[in-house]
PDB file of N, CA and C in Angstrom:
ATOM      1  N   MET A   1       0.830  -1.186   0.000  1.00  0.00           N
ATOM      2  CA  MET A   1       0.000   0.000   0.000  1.00  0.00           C
ATOM      3  C   MET A   1       0.871   1.244   0.000  1.00  0.00           C
ATOM      4  N   SER A   2       0.429   2.243  -0.672  1.00  0.00           N
ATOM      5  CA  SER A   2       1.179   3.478  -0.838  1.00  0.00           C
ATOM      6  C   SER A   2       1.122   4.350   0.415  1.00  0.00           C
ATOM      7  N   GLU A   3       2.154   5.144   0.605  1.00  0.00           N
ATOM      8  CA  GLU A   3       2.192   6.087   1.716  1.00  0.00           C
ATOM      9  C   GLU A   3       1.594   7.443   1.339  1.00  0.00           C
ATOM     10  N   LEU A   4       1.316   7.640   0.064  1.00  0.00           N
ATOM     11  CA  LEU A   4       0.736   8.908  -0.377  1.00  0.00           C
ATOM     12  C   LEU A   4      -0.743   8.965   0.000  1.00  0.00           C
ATOM     13  N   PRO A   5      -1.217  10.118   0.466  1.00  0.00           N
ATOM     14  CA  PRO A   5      -2.625  10.231   0.813  1.00  0.00           C
ATOM     15  C   PRO A   5      -3.514  10.166  -0.432  1.00  0.00           C
ATOM     16  N   LEU A   6      -4.545   9.352  -0.361  1.00  0.00           N
ATOM     17  CA  LEU A   6      -5.429   9.167  -1.512  1.00  0.00           C
ATOM     18  C   LEU A   6      -6.147  10.462  -1.889  1.00  0.00           C
ATOM     19  N   ALA A   7      -6.450  11.303  -0.917  1.00  0.00           N
ATOM     20  CA  ALA A   7      -7.129  12.566  -1.220  1.00  0.00           C
ATOM     21  C   ALA A   7      -6.265  13.451  -2.118  1.00  0.00           C
ATOM     22  N   ALA A   8      -4.971  13.478  -1.852  1.00  0.00           N
ATOM     23  CA  ALA A   8      -4.061  14.283  -2.675  1.00  0.00           C
ATOM     24  C   ALA A   8      -3.970  13.719  -4.093  1.00  0.00           C
ATOM     25  N   VAL A   9      -3.898  12.404  -4.197  1.00  0.00           N
ATOM     26  CA  VAL A   9      -3.826  11.767  -5.515  1.00  0.00           C
ATOM     27  C   VAL A   9      -5.142  11.989  -6.263  1.00  0.00           C
ATOM     28  N   ASP A  10      -6.246  11.929  -5.549  1.00  0.00           N
ATOM     29  CA  ASP A  10      -7.555  12.199  -6.144  1.00  0.00           C
ATOM     30  C   ASP A  10      -7.580  13.611  -6.742  1.00  0.00           C
ATOM     31  N   ARG A  11      -7.040  14.586  -6.008  1.00  0.00           N
ATOM     32  CA  ARG A  11      -6.985  15.971  -6.514  1.00  0.00           C
ATOM     33  C   ARG A  11      -6.125  16.082  -7.767  1.00  0.00           C
ATOM     34  N   ILE A  12      -5.030  15.336  -7.801  1.00  0.00           N
ATOM     35  CA  ILE A  12      -4.165  15.350  -8.981  1.00  0.00           C
ATOM     36  C   ILE A  12      -4.933  14.840 -10.201  1.00  0.00           C
ATOM     37  N   ILE A  13      -5.659  13.750 -10.022  1.00  0.00           N
ATOM     38  CA  ILE A  13      -6.431  13.185 -11.133  1.00  0.00           C
ATOM     39  C   ILE A  13      -7.508  14.175 -11.572  1.00  0.00           C
ATOM     40  N   ARG A  14      -8.179  14.810 -10.619  1.00  0.00           N
ATOM     41  CA  ARG A  14      -9.224  15.785 -10.957  1.00  0.00           C
ATOM     42  C   ARG A  14      -8.652  16.993 -11.692  1.00  0.00           C
ATOM     43  N   LYS A  15      -7.437  17.420 -11.314  1.00  0.00           N
ATOM     44  CA  LYS A  15      -6.791  18.536 -12.016  1.00  0.00           C
ATOM     45  C   LYS A  15      -6.495  18.181 -13.465  1.00  0.00           C
ATOM     46  N   ALA A  16      -6.350  16.891 -13.730  1.00  0.00           N
ATOM     47  CA  ALA A  16      -6.090  16.432 -15.095  1.00  0.00           C
ATOM     48  C   ALA A  16      -7.349  16.451 -15.950  1.00  0.00           C
ATOM     49  N   GLY A  17      -8.496  16.718 -15.301  1.00  0.00           N
ATOM     50  CA  GLY A  17      -9.709  16.881 -16.081  1.00  0.00           C
ATOM     51  C   GLY A  17     -10.813  15.882 -15.812  1.00  0.00           C
ATOM     52  N   SER A  18     -10.640  15.027 -14.844  1.00  0.00           N
ATOM     53  CA  SER A  18     -11.678  14.038 -14.557  1.00  0.00           C
ATOM     54  C   SER A  18     -12.682  14.587 -13.553  1.00  0.00           C
ATOM     55  N   GLY A  19     -13.935  14.243 -13.735  1.00  0.00           N
ATOM     56  CA  GLY A  19     -14.976  14.673 -12.809  1.00  0.00           C
ATOM     57  C   GLY A  19     -15.116  13.740 -11.631  1.00  0.00           C
ATOM     58  N   ARG A  20     -15.020  12.449 -11.892  1.00  0.00           N
ATOM     59  CA  ARG A  20     -15.173  11.457 -10.842  1.00  0.00           C
ATOM     60  C   ARG A  20     -13.971  10.524 -10.851  1.00  0.00           C
ATOM     61  N   VAL A  21     -13.559  10.125  -9.645  1.00  0.00           N
ATOM     62  CA  VAL A  21     -12.388   9.259  -9.509  1.00  0.00           C
ATOM     63  C   VAL A  21     -12.714   8.163  -8.501  1.00  0.00           C
ATOM     64  N   SER A  22     -12.502   6.919  -8.905  1.00  0.00           N
ATOM     65  CA  SER A  22     -12.743   5.819  -7.976  1.00  0.00           C
ATOM     66  C   SER A  22     -11.574   5.727  -6.998  1.00  0.00           C
ATOM     67  N   GLU A  23     -11.856   5.153  -5.838  1.00  0.00           N
ATOM     68  CA  GLU A  23     -10.814   4.979  -4.828  1.00  0.00           C
ATOM     69  C   GLU A  23      -9.717   4.050  -5.358  1.00  0.00           C
ATOM     70  N   GLU A  24     -10.113   3.059  -6.146  1.00  0.00           N
ATOM     71  CA  GLU A  24      -9.133   2.121  -6.715  1.00  0.00           C
ATOM     72  C   GLU A  24      -8.202   2.839  -7.690  1.00  0.00           C
ATOM     73  N   ALA A  25      -8.749   3.773  -8.470  1.00  0.00           N
ATOM     74  CA  ALA A  25      -7.922   4.523  -9.420  1.00  0.00           C
ATOM     75  C   ALA A  25      -6.921   5.393  -8.679  1.00  0.00           C
ATOM     76  N   ALA A  26      -7.360   6.053  -7.623  1.00  0.00           N
ATOM     77  CA  ALA A  26      -6.459   6.893  -6.827  1.00  0.00           C
ATOM     78  C   ALA A  26      -5.371   6.039  -6.185  1.00  0.00           C
ATOM     79  N   ALA A  27      -5.739   4.872  -5.680  1.00  0.00           N
ATOM     80  CA  ALA A  27      -4.762   3.979  -5.059  1.00  0.00           C
ATOM     81  C   ALA A  27      -3.754   3.470  -6.084  1.00  0.00           C
ATOM     82  N   ALA A  28      -4.227   3.151  -7.283  1.00  0.00           N
ATOM     83  CA  ALA A  28      -3.331   2.661  -8.338  1.00  0.00           C
ATOM     84  C   ALA A  28      -2.332   3.741  -8.743  1.00  0.00           C
ATOM     85  N   LEU A  29      -2.820   4.972  -8.922  1.00  0.00           N
ATOM     86  CA  LEU A  29      -1.909   6.062  -9.292  1.00  0.00           C
ATOM     87  C   LEU A  29      -0.937   6.358  -8.156  1.00  0.00           C
ATOM     88  N   ALA A  30      -1.390   6.302  -6.915  1.00  0.00           N
ATOM     89  CA  ALA A  30      -0.515   6.554  -5.769  1.00  0.00           C
ATOM     90  C   ALA A  30       0.637   5.551  -5.743  1.00  0.00           C
ATOM     91  N   GLU A  31       0.339   4.294  -6.043  1.00  0.00           N
ATOM     92  CA  GLU A  31       1.370   3.274  -6.066  1.00  0.00           C
ATOM     93  C   GLU A  31       2.399   3.541  -7.161  1.00  0.00           C
ATOM     94  N   VAL A  32       1.917   3.899  -8.345  1.00  0.00           N
ATOM     95  CA  VAL A  32       2.815   4.189  -9.470  1.00  0.00           C
ATOM     96  C   VAL A  32       3.681   5.411  -9.159  1.00  0.00           C
ATOM     97  N   LEU A  33       3.056   6.457  -8.608  1.00  0.00           N
ATOM     98  CA  LEU A  33       3.808   7.670  -8.267  1.00  0.00           C
ATOM     99  C   LEU A  33       4.878   7.386  -7.222  1.00  0.00           C
ATOM    100  N   GLU A  34       4.531   6.562  -6.245  1.00  0.00           N
ATOM    101  CA  GLU A  34       5.507   6.231  -5.210  1.00  0.00           C
ATOM    102  C   GLU A  34       6.684   5.450  -5.790  1.00  0.00           C
ATOM    103  N   GLU A  35       6.406   4.478  -6.641  1.00  0.00           N
ATOM    104  CA  GLU A  35       7.476   3.694  -7.266  1.00  0.00           C
ATOM    105  C   GLU A  35       8.395   4.591  -8.089  1.00  0.00           C
ATOM    106  N   HIS A  36       7.791   5.478  -8.871  1.00  0.00           N
ATOM    107  CA  HIS A  36       8.577   6.390  -9.704  1.00  0.00           C
ATOM    108  C   HIS A  36       9.369   7.362  -8.826  1.00  0.00           C
ATOM    109  N   GLY A  37       8.750   7.838  -7.770  1.00  0.00           N
ATOM    110  CA  GLY A  37       9.427   8.753  -6.847  1.00  0.00           C
ATOM    111  C   GLY A  37      10.630   8.118  -6.171  1.00  0.00           C
ATOM    112  N   ILE A  38      10.508   6.853  -5.817  1.00  0.00           N
ATOM    113  CA  ILE A  38      11.623   6.145  -5.190  1.00  0.00           C
ATOM    114  C   ILE A  38      12.786   6.013  -6.170  1.00  0.00           C
ATOM    115  N   LYS A  39      12.492   5.700  -7.427  1.00  0.00           N
ATOM    116  CA  LYS A  39      13.555   5.599  -8.437  1.00  0.00           C
ATOM    117  C   LYS A  39      14.273   6.934  -8.597  1.00  0.00           C
ATOM    118  N   ILE A  40      13.521   8.013  -8.654  1.00  0.00           N
ATOM    119  CA  ILE A  40      14.115   9.350  -8.780  1.00  0.00           C
ATOM    120  C   ILE A  40      14.964   9.673  -7.554  1.00  0.00           C
ATOM    121  N   ALA A  41      14.459   9.370  -6.380  1.00  0.00           N
ATOM    122  CA  ALA A  41      15.188   9.662  -5.141  1.00  0.00           C
ATOM    123  C   ALA A  41      16.494   8.872  -5.061  1.00  0.00           C
ATOM    124  N   ARG A  42      16.460   7.621  -5.494  1.00  0.00           N
ATOM    125  CA  ARG A  42      17.689   6.812  -5.488  1.00  0.00           C
ATOM    126  C   ARG A  42      18.745   7.403  -6.416  1.00  0.00           C
ATOM    127  N   LYS A  43      18.307   7.797  -7.614  1.00  0.00           N
ATOM    128  CA  LYS A  43      19.238   8.377  -8.573  1.00  0.00           C
ATOM    129  C   LYS A  43      19.786   9.703  -8.035  1.00  0.00           C
ATOM    130  N   ALA A  44      18.923  10.520  -7.418  1.00  0.00           N
ATOM    131  CA  ALA A  44      19.360  11.789  -6.838  1.00  0.00           C
ATOM    132  C   ALA A  44      20.365  11.545  -5.711  1.00  0.00           C
ATOM    133  N   ALA A  45      20.156  10.494  -4.937  1.00  0.00           N
ATOM    134  CA  ALA A  45      21.094  10.151  -3.870  1.00  0.00           C
ATOM    135  C   ALA A  45      22.460   9.780  -4.452  1.00  0.00           C
ATOM    136  N   GLU A  46      22.468   9.081  -5.580  1.00  0.00           N
ATOM    137  CA  GLU A  46      23.728   8.755  -6.252  1.00  0.00           C
ATOM    138  C   GLU A  46      24.450  10.024  -6.679  1.00  0.00           C
ATOM    139  N   TYR A  47      23.704  10.991  -7.221  1.00  0.00           N
ATOM    140  CA  TYR A  47      24.318  12.244  -7.661  1.00  0.00           C
ATOM    141  C   TYR A  47      24.910  13.022  -6.486  1.00  0.00           C
ATOM    142  N   SER A  48      24.207  13.059  -5.376  1.00  0.00           N
ATOM    143  CA  SER A  48      24.730  13.791  -4.218  1.00  0.00           C
ATOM    144  C   SER A  48      25.948  13.076  -3.639  1.00  0.00           C
ATOM    145  N   LYS A  49      25.907  11.739  -3.622  1.00  0.00           N
ATOM    146  CA  LYS A  49      27.049  10.981  -3.124  1.00  0.00           C
ATOM    147  C   LYS A  49      28.260  11.194  -4.028  1.00  0.00           C
ATOM    148  N   HIS A  50      28.034  11.226  -5.343  1.00  0.00           N
ATOM    149  CA  HIS A  50      29.121  11.458  -6.293  1.00  0.00           C
ATOM    150  C   HIS A  50      29.750  12.845  -6.072  1.00  0.00           C
ATOM    151  N   ALA A  51      28.924  13.806  -5.703  1.00  0.00           N
ATOM    152  CA  ALA A  51      29.419  15.163  -5.442  1.00  0.00           C
ATOM    153  C   ALA A  51      29.954  15.292  -4.014  1.00  0.00           C
ATOM    154  N   ARG A  52      30.040  14.181  -3.302  1.00  0.00           N
ATOM    155  CA  ARG A  52      30.541  14.133  -1.922  1.00  0.00           C
ATOM    156  C   ARG A  52      29.719  15.005  -0.978  1.00  0.00           C
ATOM    157  N   ARG A  53      28.397  14.944  -1.177  1.00  0.00           N
ATOM    158  CA  ARG A  53      27.469  15.650  -0.286  1.00  0.00           C
ATOM    159  C   ARG A  53      26.566  14.634   0.377  1.00  0.00           C
ATOM    160  N   LYS A  54      26.122  14.954   1.589  1.00  0.00           N
ATOM    161  CA  LYS A  54      25.156  14.106   2.284  1.00  0.00           C
ATOM    162  C   LYS A  54      23.734  14.564   2.026  1.00  0.00           C
ATOM    163  N   THR A  55      23.595  15.800   1.573  1.00  0.00           N
ATOM    164  CA  THR A  55      22.281  16.389   1.351  1.00  0.00           C
ATOM    165  C   THR A  55      21.897  16.299  -0.118  1.00  0.00           C
ATOM    166  N   ILE A  56      20.702  15.798  -0.367  1.00  0.00           N
ATOM    167  CA  ILE A  56      20.155  15.778  -1.726  1.00  0.00           C
ATOM    168  C   ILE A  56      19.533  17.150  -1.978  1.00  0.00           C
ATOM    169  N   THR A  57      19.913  17.772  -3.081  1.00  0.00           N
ATOM    170  CA  THR A  57      19.415  19.101  -3.405  1.00  0.00           C
ATOM    171  C   THR A  57      18.343  19.019  -4.495  1.00  0.00           C
ATOM    172  N   ALA A  58      17.667  20.139  -4.689  1.00  0.00           N
ATOM    173  CA  ALA A  58      16.659  20.213  -5.750  1.00  0.00           C
ATOM    174  C   ALA A  58      17.309  19.961  -7.110  1.00  0.00           C
ATOM    175  N   ALA A  59      18.535  20.410  -7.275  1.00  0.00           N
ATOM    176  CA  ALA A  59      19.248  20.186  -8.537  1.00  0.00           C
ATOM    177  C   ALA A  59      19.470  18.694  -8.778  1.00  0.00           C
ATOM    178  N   ASP A  60      19.754  17.936  -7.719  1.00  0.00           N
ATOM    179  CA  ASP A  60      19.919  16.483  -7.848  1.00  0.00           C
ATOM    180  C   ASP A  60      18.618  15.835  -8.322  1.00  0.00           C
ATOM    181  N   ILE A  61      17.514  16.282  -7.747  1.00  0.00           N
ATOM    182  CA  ILE A  61      16.201  15.746  -8.135  1.00  0.00           C
ATOM    183  C   ILE A  61      15.910  16.064  -9.599  1.00  0.00           C
ATOM    184  N   GLN A  62      16.145  17.313  -9.981  1.00  0.00           N
ATOM    185  CA  GLN A  62      15.882  17.725 -11.376  1.00  0.00           C
ATOM    186  C   GLN A  62      16.758  16.955 -12.339  1.00  0.00           C
ATOM    187  N   LEU A  63      18.013  16.748 -11.987  1.00  0.00           N
ATOM    188  CA  LEU A  63      18.922  15.982 -12.840  1.00  0.00           C
ATOM    189  C   LEU A  63      18.465  14.519 -12.930  1.00  0.00           C
ATOM    190  N   ALA A  64      18.012  13.962 -11.824  1.00  0.00           N
ATOM    191  CA  ALA A  64      17.535  12.579 -11.821  1.00  0.00           C
ATOM    192  C   ALA A  64      16.281  12.423 -12.689  1.00  0.00           C
ATOM    193  N   VAL A  65      15.424  13.402 -12.689  1.00  0.00           N
ATOM    194  CA  VAL A  65      14.211  13.343 -13.507  1.00  0.00           C
ATOM    195  C   VAL A  65      14.566  13.385 -14.988  1.00  0.00           C
ATOM    196  N   LYS A  66      15.565  14.169 -15.341  1.00  0.00           N
ATOM    197  CA  LYS A  66      15.952  14.321 -16.747  1.00  0.00           C
ATOM    198  C   LYS A  66      16.755  13.137 -17.272  1.00  0.00           C
ATOM    199  N   SER A  67      17.432  12.412 -16.388  1.00  0.00           N
ATOM    200  CA  SER A  67      18.276  11.319 -16.852  1.00  0.00           C
ATOM    201  C   SER A  67      17.438  10.095 -17.202  1.00  0.00           C
ATOM    202  N   PRO A  68      17.921   9.283 -18.139  1.00  0.00           N
ATOM    203  CA  PRO A  68      17.167   8.098 -18.566  1.00  0.00           C
ATOM    204  C   PRO A  68      17.108   7.005 -17.531  1.00  0.00           C
TER     205      PRO A  68
END
């Protein structure tokens, strides 16, 4: 189960243009977002470690999102 709040994910789906969102749809998107977020965070951690920093910066996150 995802750690993301379903209400927040529901709002994201509604902002995309949907009028109604099932709880299962919100839960499914929350799981996908969490998995993708973890991959990005891991890559950002590699970038900060390579730069000999303990802190992950916004630049690390942006670079991780852009990298394949």
